[in-house]
Amino acid sequence: MRPATKALDRFEVYTQQRDFRVFRLEQAIAFKRCLAEQKGHRSGKELSKATLHATLTQLRRFFQWLAWEPGYKSRLHYSDAEHFNLSDKNTRIARA
């Protein structure tokens, strides 16, 4: 499965397949919290910062793209995607 597909799948499972037109900022914030608490299938440990970063980056890019698509322009704002960022500290850890 491609990284973008996997990231979107995780988000859709979390939101129970809700339409992206009804996206709320609280969903992004709560999803980040939920993702940070998830365990990896193989290791059974919390997901690494690199995995969190990759997943959230893919979701941020998707929502930035979606904000410009017809039918979503009036409901989503480009800046809404910024809620899919990790903290600066966790981003540095993920990139190390």
C-alpha atoms as a PDB file:
ATOM      1  CA  MET A   1       0.000   0.000   0.000  1.00  0.00           C
ATOM      2  CA  ARG A   2       1.363   3.426  -0.901  1.00  0.00           C
ATOM      3  CA  PRO A   3       2.126   5.839   1.983  1.00  0.00           C
ATOM      4  CA  ALA A   4      -0.551   8.343   0.948  1.00  0.00           C
ATOM      5  CA  THR A   5      -3.157   5.610   0.651  1.00  0.00           C
ATOM      6  CA  LYS A   6      -2.240   4.178   4.033  1.00  0.00           C
ATOM      7  CA  ALA A   7      -2.383   7.616   5.668  1.00  0.00           C
ATOM      8  CA  LEU A   8      -5.816   8.328   4.180  1.00  0.00           C
ATOM      9  CA  ASP A   9      -7.024   4.896   5.207  1.00  0.00           C
ATOM     10  CA  ARG A  10      -5.948   5.489   8.812  1.00  0.00           C
ATOM     11  CA  PHE A  11      -7.730   8.843   8.852  1.00  0.00           C
ATOM     12  CA  GLU A  12     -10.903   7.435   7.294  1.00  0.00           C
ATOM     13  CA  VAL A  13     -10.999   4.548   9.761  1.00  0.00           C
ATOM     14  CA  TYR A  14     -10.664   7.088  12.572  1.00  0.00           C
ATOM     15  CA  THR A  15     -13.450   9.334  11.191  1.00  0.00           C
ATOM     16  CA  GLN A  16     -15.638   6.336  10.298  1.00  0.00           C
ATOM     17  CA  GLN A  17     -15.614   7.248   6.594  1.00  0.00           C
ATOM     18  CA  ARG A  18     -17.141  10.701   7.096  1.00  0.00           C
ATOM     19  CA  ASP A  19     -17.310  12.875   4.015  1.00  0.00           C
ATOM     20  CA  PHE A  20     -14.357  15.230   3.736  1.00  0.00           C
ATOM     21  CA  ARG A  21     -16.812  18.077   3.169  1.00  0.00           C
ATOM     22  CA  VAL A  22     -17.723  17.956   6.859  1.00  0.00           C
ATOM     23  CA  PHE A  23     -14.092  18.056   8.023  1.00  0.00           C
ATOM     24  CA  ARG A  24     -13.543  19.902  11.315  1.00  0.00           C
ATOM     25  CA  LEU A  25     -10.251  21.046  12.784  1.00  0.00           C
ATOM     26  CA  GLU A  26     -11.024  19.090  15.938  1.00  0.00           C
ATOM     27  CA  GLN A  27     -10.853  15.890  13.867  1.00  0.00           C
ATOM     28  CA  ALA A  28      -7.256  16.609  12.876  1.00  0.00           C
ATOM     29  CA  ILE A  29      -6.236  17.368  16.446  1.00  0.00           C
ATOM     30  CA  ALA A  30      -7.966  14.294  17.859  1.00  0.00           C
ATOM     31  CA  PHE A  31      -6.582  12.103  15.068  1.00  0.00           C
ATOM     32  CA  LYS A  32      -3.028  13.202  15.879  1.00  0.00           C
ATOM     33  CA  ARG A  33      -3.579  12.234  19.514  1.00  0.00           C
ATOM     34  CA  CYS A  34      -5.085   8.880  18.551  1.00  0.00           C
ATOM     35  CA  LEU A  35      -2.276   8.169  16.079  1.00  0.00           C
ATOM     36  CA  ALA A  36       0.357   8.897  18.726  1.00  0.00           C
ATOM     37  CA  GLU A  37      -1.250   6.283  20.990  1.00  0.00           C
ATOM     38  CA  GLN A  38      -1.531   3.561  18.337  1.00  0.00           C
ATOM     39  CA  LYS A  39       0.688   0.499  18.463  1.00  0.00           C
ATOM     40  CA  GLY A  40       2.521  -0.978  15.503  1.00  0.00           C
ATOM     41  CA  HIS A  41       1.202  -4.313  14.230  1.00  0.00           C
ATOM     42  CA  ARG A  42       4.582  -6.015  14.171  1.00  0.00           C
ATOM     43  CA  SER A  43       6.360  -4.527  17.167  1.00  0.00           C
ATOM     44  CA  GLY A  44       3.441  -3.847  19.476  1.00  0.00           C
ATOM     45  CA  LYS A  45       5.174  -0.591  20.449  1.00  0.00           C
ATOM     46  CA  GLU A  46       3.953   2.953  19.873  1.00  0.00           C
ATOM     47  CA  LEU A  47       4.392   4.190  16.327  1.00  0.00           C
ATOM     48  CA  SER A  48       7.712   5.917  15.735  1.00  0.00           C
ATOM     49  CA  LYS A  49       7.955   9.677  15.309  1.00  0.00           C
ATOM     50  CA  ALA A  50       9.049   9.034  11.709  1.00  0.00           C
ATOM     51  CA  THR A  51       5.827   7.100  11.042  1.00  0.00           C
ATOM     52  CA  LEU A  52       3.746   9.833  12.671  1.00  0.00           C
ATOM     53  CA  HIS A  53       5.549  12.469  10.626  1.00  0.00           C
ATOM     54  CA  ALA A  54       5.134  10.563   7.343  1.00  0.00           C
ATOM     55  CA  THR A  55       1.443   9.895   7.957  1.00  0.00           C
ATOM     56  CA  LEU A  56       0.652  13.470   8.934  1.00  0.00           C
ATOM     57  CA  THR A  57       2.687  14.878   6.042  1.00  0.00           C
ATOM     58  CA  GLN A  58       0.676  12.802   3.567  1.00  0.00           C
ATOM     59  CA  LEU A  59      -2.594  13.951   5.136  1.00  0.00           C
ATOM     60  CA  ARG A  60      -1.470  17.588   5.128  1.00  0.00           C
ATOM     61  CA  ARG A  61      -0.622  17.376   1.415  1.00  0.00           C
ATOM     62  CA  PHE A  62      -3.935  15.703   0.644  1.00  0.00           C
ATOM     63  CA  PHE A  63      -5.973  18.357   2.468  1.00  0.00           C
ATOM     64  CA  GLN A  64      -3.961  21.154   0.830  1.00  0.00           C
ATOM     65  CA  TRP A  65      -4.791  19.650  -2.548  1.00  0.00           C
ATOM     66  CA  LEU A  66      -8.426  19.011  -1.618  1.00  0.00           C
ATOM     67  CA  ALA A  67      -8.914  22.617  -0.507  1.00  0.00           C
ATOM     68  CA  TRP A  68      -8.484  23.709  -4.146  1.00  0.00           C
ATOM     69  CA  GLU A  69     -10.809  21.121  -5.668  1.00  0.00           C
ATOM     70  CA  PRO A  70     -14.310  22.081  -6.870  1.00  0.00           C
ATOM     71  CA  GLY A  71     -16.923  21.217  -4.273  1.00  0.00           C
ATOM     72  CA  TYR A  72     -14.448  21.582  -1.406  1.00  0.00           C
ATOM     73  CA  LYS A  73     -13.150  25.127  -1.894  1.00  0.00           C
ATOM     74  CA  SER A  74     -15.972  26.665   0.103  1.00  0.00           C
ATOM     75  CA  ARG A  75     -15.768  24.087   2.902  1.00  0.00           C
ATOM     76  CA  LEU A  76     -12.041  23.594   3.415  1.00  0.00           C
ATOM     77  CA  HIS A  77      -9.339  26.176   3.780  1.00  0.00           C
ATOM     78  CA  TYR A  78      -5.759  25.630   2.697  1.00  0.00           C
ATOM     79  CA  SER A  79      -4.617  26.566   6.219  1.00  0.00           C
ATOM     80  CA  ASP A  80      -6.749  23.779   7.761  1.00  0.00           C
ATOM     81  CA  ALA A  81      -4.096  21.319   6.611  1.00  0.00           C
ATOM     82  CA  GLU A  82      -1.568  22.863   8.998  1.00  0.00           C
ATOM     83  CA  HIS A  83      -3.308  21.065  11.859  1.00  0.00           C
ATOM     84  CA  PHE A  84      -1.694  17.875  10.561  1.00  0.00           C
ATOM     85  CA  ASN A  85       1.768  19.042  11.690  1.00  0.00           C
ATOM     86  CA  LEU A  86       3.817  17.545  14.488  1.00  0.00           C
ATOM     87  CA  SER A  87       5.418  19.836  17.030  1.00  0.00           C
ATOM     88  CA  ASP A  88       8.815  21.234  16.027  1.00  0.00           C
ATOM     89  CA  LYS A  89      10.518  18.988  18.584  1.00  0.00           C
ATOM     90  CA  ASN A  90       8.838  15.829  17.307  1.00  0.00           C
ATOM     91  CA  THR A  91       9.539  16.827  13.694  1.00  0.00           C
ATOM     92  CA  ARG A  92      13.258  17.126  14.500  1.00  0.00           C
ATOM     93  CA  ILE A  93      13.181  13.704  16.169  1.00  0.00           C
ATOM     94  CA  ALA A  94      11.387  12.185  13.171  1.00  0.00           C
ATOM     95  CA  ARG A  95      13.906  13.583  10.701  1.00  0.00           C
ATOM     96  CA  ALA A  96      16.984  12.532  12.674  1.00  0.00           C
END
